[in-house]
Amino acid sequence: MAKTKDFKQRFYYLCLSLLINSAGNALAISTNLGSAVWTASGVNLSKLTGISLGTTLFLYGVVITLMNQLLLGSFDRRRFFSNLLFTIPFSYLIALFEYLYGLIGVPNYDFGVRIVLDIIGLFMVAVAVSMYARSNLIMHPNDDLAYIIRFKFIHGNPVLSQWASYTPPIIITIISFTLSGKLYAIGFGTLFALLFQGAMMGWADTHAFPKLKHHVDI
């Protein structure tokens, strides 16, 4: 009975975090002031290849899923399929929310309002990542990468693991810029995420839905 109750709680927070994360990422993109590092690299890759944002983010997720398996050192079937299961709705929900924010005119709001919305969006992302990392049923492969680094390599430090996990998207962004000569979704919000997303996740671990505990399986 206790295990069933625990699973239901974890599943509820997983679903809630999926919506919060998608909405937060899309909000940051819509402000045109810089989005989270992973999402920004996806936007640049989408612009470079001409592939829709949703599909680009999905394909991106597949590649990172394979990278996670390499870091684990052995094939983890549950983790492999759960990464893919998460990235499908997440990728296309971002595209949907971005479309909805466009309908209400977010990209055209005053600069000061967009700065606030950008910060709110990035804070939503950090809270959501903390929620589904603690639930640990399924995670987006990008965040699972940080999770694997955090608990397998650097003794649970959320800030260092977040910075280390940013290596792939930074490389992708540099390559995209080199080939196209343009940068998209890079700005204030990207720097803010680089500096503070790990710290916001650490805060969320203990302050946002504190009854939800970490279920570590590494």
Protein backbone atom coordinates (compact mmCIF):
# COMPACT_ATOMS: atom_id res chain seq x y z
CA MET A 1 0.00 0.00 0.00
CA ALA A 2 2.80 2.39 0.93
CA LYS A 3 4.65 1.62 -2.31
CA THR A 4 1.49 2.28 -4.33
CA LYS A 5 0.95 5.62 -2.59
CA ASP A 6 4.60 6.56 -3.14
CA PHE A 7 4.38 5.70 -6.85
CA LYS A 8 1.20 7.75 -7.28
CA GLN A 9 2.86 10.73 -5.61
CA ARG A 10 5.95 10.43 -7.81
CA PHE A 11 3.84 10.03 -10.96
CA TYR A 12 1.72 13.08 -10.08
CA TYR A 13 4.78 15.28 -9.60
CA LEU A 14 6.30 13.90 -12.80
CA CYS A 15 3.26 14.95 -14.87
CA LEU A 16 3.10 18.35 -13.16
CA SER A 17 6.82 18.94 -13.72
CA LEU A 18 6.50 18.06 -17.41
CA LEU A 19 3.95 20.84 -17.90
CA ILE A 20 5.89 23.35 -15.78
CA ASN A 21 9.15 22.60 -17.59
CA SER A 22 7.64 22.89 -21.07
CA ALA A 23 5.79 26.08 -20.22
CA GLY A 24 8.87 27.62 -18.59
CA ASN A 25 11.20 26.78 -21.47
CA ALA A 26 8.73 28.11 -24.02
CA LEU A 27 8.22 31.30 -22.00
CA ALA A 28 11.98 31.96 -21.96
CA ILE A 29 12.18 31.37 -25.72
CA SER A 30 9.21 33.67 -26.37
CA THR A 31 10.77 36.61 -24.55
CA ASN A 32 13.62 36.66 -27.11
CA LEU A 33 16.00 37.51 -24.28
CA GLY A 34 17.73 34.16 -23.94
CA SER A 35 16.52 30.76 -22.84
CA ALA A 36 17.96 27.86 -20.87
CA VAL A 37 21.24 26.58 -22.26
CA TRP A 38 19.94 23.29 -23.64
CA THR A 39 16.86 24.85 -25.22
CA ALA A 40 18.88 27.71 -26.70
CA SER A 41 21.21 25.25 -28.38
CA GLY A 42 18.17 23.41 -29.74
CA VAL A 43 16.77 26.64 -31.18
CA ASN A 44 20.10 27.38 -32.91
CA LEU A 45 20.30 23.84 -34.27
CA SER A 46 16.72 24.13 -35.53
CA LYS A 47 17.49 27.39 -37.33
CA LEU A 48 20.67 25.93 -38.83
CA THR A 49 19.06 22.74 -40.15
CA GLY A 50 15.62 24.09 -41.02
CA ILE A 51 13.99 21.29 -38.99
CA SER A 52 11.07 22.29 -36.75
CA LEU A 53 11.93 23.06 -33.12
CA GLY A 54 9.86 20.18 -31.74
CA THR A 55 11.52 17.61 -34.01
CA THR A 56 14.99 19.07 -33.41
CA LEU A 57 14.55 18.82 -29.65
CA PHE A 58 13.33 15.25 -29.99
CA LEU A 59 16.32 14.18 -32.14
CA TYR A 60 18.61 16.03 -29.73
CA GLY A 61 17.08 14.00 -26.91
CA VAL A 62 17.78 10.73 -28.70
CA VAL A 63 21.47 11.59 -29.04
CA ILE A 64 21.79 12.54 -25.36
CA THR A 65 19.95 9.35 -24.37
CA LEU A 66 22.71 7.35 -26.06
CA MET A 67 25.37 9.50 -24.33
CA ASN A 68 23.79 8.74 -20.96
CA GLN A 69 24.10 5.02 -21.59
CA LEU A 70 27.80 5.45 -22.32
CA LEU A 71 28.33 7.37 -19.07
CA LEU A 72 26.51 4.70 -17.06
CA GLY A 73 28.94 2.13 -18.44
CA SER A 74 26.26 -0.49 -19.05
CA PHE A 75 22.91 -0.64 -20.81
CA ASP A 76 20.09 0.49 -18.52
CA ARG A 77 16.91 -0.53 -20.31
CA ARG A 78 14.55 1.37 -18.01
CA ARG A 79 16.57 4.54 -18.23
CA PHE A 80 16.97 4.26 -22.02
CA PHE A 81 13.27 3.94 -22.77
CA SER A 82 12.18 6.39 -20.06
CA ASN A 83 14.48 9.06 -21.52
CA LEU A 84 12.86 8.58 -24.91
CA LEU A 85 9.37 8.47 -23.38
CA PHE A 86 9.94 11.84 -21.72
CA THR A 87 11.49 13.64 -24.66
CA ILE A 88 8.57 13.01 -27.05
CA PRO A 89 5.83 14.99 -25.23
CA PHE A 90 8.31 17.49 -23.80
CA SER A 91 9.72 18.49 -27.19
CA TYR A 92 6.34 19.12 -28.78
CA LEU A 93 4.81 20.73 -25.67
CA ILE A 94 7.52 23.38 -25.85
CA ALA A 95 6.54 24.09 -29.46
CA LEU A 96 2.86 24.26 -28.44
CA PHE A 97 3.46 26.64 -25.52
CA GLU A 98 5.70 28.83 -27.67
CA TYR A 99 2.86 29.10 -30.20
CA LEU A 100 0.38 30.01 -27.44
CA TYR A 101 2.69 32.66 -25.97
CA GLY A 102 3.03 34.10 -29.46
CA LEU A 103 -0.76 34.36 -29.72
CA ILE A 104 -0.93 36.51 -26.58
CA GLY A 105 1.95 38.69 -27.78
CA VAL A 106 4.72 37.80 -25.32
CA PRO A 107 7.52 38.49 -27.88
CA ASN A 108 6.21 42.07 -28.21
CA TYR A 109 5.86 42.94 -24.53
CA ASP A 110 7.93 45.79 -23.07
CA PHE A 111 11.56 44.97 -22.37
CA GLY A 112 11.18 45.15 -18.58
CA VAL A 113 8.20 42.79 -18.63
CA ARG A 114 10.05 40.32 -20.82
CA ILE A 115 13.06 40.35 -18.46
CA VAL A 116 10.76 39.38 -15.58
CA LEU A 117 9.02 36.72 -17.67
CA ASP A 118 12.38 35.32 -18.77
CA ILE A 119 13.50 34.91 -15.16
CA ILE A 120 10.15 33.36 -14.22
CA GLY A 121 10.43 30.92 -17.12
CA LEU A 122 13.93 29.84 -16.12
CA PHE A 123 12.90 29.50 -12.48
CA MET A 124 10.01 27.27 -13.60
CA VAL A 125 12.50 25.10 -15.48
CA ALA A 126 14.73 24.72 -12.41
CA VAL A 127 11.79 23.81 -10.16
CA ALA A 128 10.45 21.32 -12.69
CA VAL A 129 13.83 19.61 -13.15
CA SER A 130 14.15 19.29 -9.38
CA MET A 131 10.68 17.75 -9.21
CA TYR A 132 11.15 15.03 -11.78
CA ALA A 133 14.73 14.36 -10.70
CA ARG A 134 13.39 13.63 -7.23
CA SER A 135 10.53 11.56 -8.62
CA ASN A 136 13.02 9.65 -10.78
CA LEU A 137 10.45 7.73 -12.78
CA ILE A 138 11.38 9.17 -16.15
CA MET A 139 13.53 12.18 -16.93
CA HIS A 140 14.46 14.19 -19.97
CA PRO A 141 17.82 12.86 -21.18
CA ASN A 142 19.40 16.32 -20.86
CA ASP A 143 18.54 16.48 -17.18
CA ASP A 144 19.29 12.81 -16.65
CA LEU A 145 22.79 13.62 -17.91
CA ALA A 146 23.18 16.17 -15.10
CA TYR A 147 21.64 13.67 -12.67
CA ILE A 148 24.11 10.93 -13.66
CA ILE A 149 27.04 13.33 -13.35
CA ARG A 150 25.71 14.63 -10.03
CA PHE A 151 25.33 11.29 -8.26
CA LYS A 152 27.94 9.15 -10.02
CA PHE A 153 30.84 11.55 -10.39
CA ILE A 154 30.63 14.62 -8.11
CA HIS A 155 29.01 13.48 -4.87
CA GLY A 156 25.57 15.06 -5.29
CA ASN A 157 26.56 18.68 -6.00
CA PRO A 158 23.71 20.21 -8.10
CA VAL A 159 25.65 23.31 -9.22
CA LEU A 160 28.78 21.55 -10.51
CA SER A 161 26.75 18.82 -12.20
CA GLN A 162 24.62 21.39 -14.00
CA TRP A 163 27.66 23.25 -15.28
CA ALA A 164 29.34 20.02 -16.41
CA SER A 165 26.21 18.90 -18.26
CA TYR A 166 26.21 22.16 -20.26
CA THR A 167 29.26 21.04 -22.28
CA PRO A 168 27.26 19.43 -25.16
CA PRO A 169 24.82 22.32 -25.71
CA ILE A 170 27.61 24.90 -25.58
CA ILE A 171 29.53 22.93 -28.23
CA ILE A 172 26.38 22.66 -30.40
CA THR A 173 25.73 26.40 -30.08
CA ILE A 174 29.32 27.25 -31.06
CA ILE A 175 29.12 24.96 -34.09
CA SER A 176 25.77 26.43 -35.15
CA PHE A 177 27.10 29.97 -34.84
CA THR A 178 30.26 29.09 -36.78
CA LEU A 179 28.25 27.66 -39.66
CA SER A 180 25.42 30.23 -39.76
CA GLY A 181 27.00 33.37 -38.31
CA LYS A 182 23.86 33.94 -36.23
CA LEU A 183 22.80 33.29 -32.65
CA TYR A 184 19.23 32.68 -31.52
CA ALA A 185 17.71 32.44 -28.02
CA ILE A 186 21.06 33.48 -26.53
CA GLY A 187 21.14 36.47 -24.22
CA PHE A 188 20.44 37.55 -20.67
CA GLY A 189 18.43 34.43 -19.90
CA THR A 190 21.18 32.10 -21.07
CA LEU A 191 23.75 33.75 -18.81
CA PHE A 192 21.23 33.74 -15.95
CA ALA A 193 20.66 30.00 -16.44
CA LEU A 194 24.40 29.28 -16.64
CA LEU A 195 25.02 31.09 -13.36
CA PHE A 196 21.95 30.25 -11.32
CA GLN A 197 20.01 27.23 -12.60
CA GLY A 198 21.98 24.76 -10.50
CA ALA A 199 21.52 26.93 -7.41
CA MET A 200 17.78 27.30 -8.13
CA MET A 201 17.51 23.53 -8.45
CA GLY A 202 19.29 23.11 -5.13
CA TRP A 203 16.82 25.55 -3.55
CA ALA A 204 13.86 23.75 -5.13
CA ASP A 205 15.10 20.39 -3.80
CA THR A 206 14.28 21.49 -0.26
CA HIS A 207 11.68 24.25 -0.70
CA ALA A 208 9.46 23.31 -3.66
CA PHE A 209 7.18 20.42 -2.69
CA PRO A 210 9.50 19.30 0.14
CA LYS A 211 7.52 16.11 0.78
CA LEU A 212 8.89 14.78 -2.51
CA LYS A 213 12.22 13.13 -1.66
CA HIS A 214 15.06 12.03 -3.94
CA HIS A 215 14.77 8.46 -5.20
CA VAL A 216 18.39 7.84 -6.15
CA ASP A 217 19.11 4.71 -8.23
CA ILE A 218 22.78 5.12 -9.19
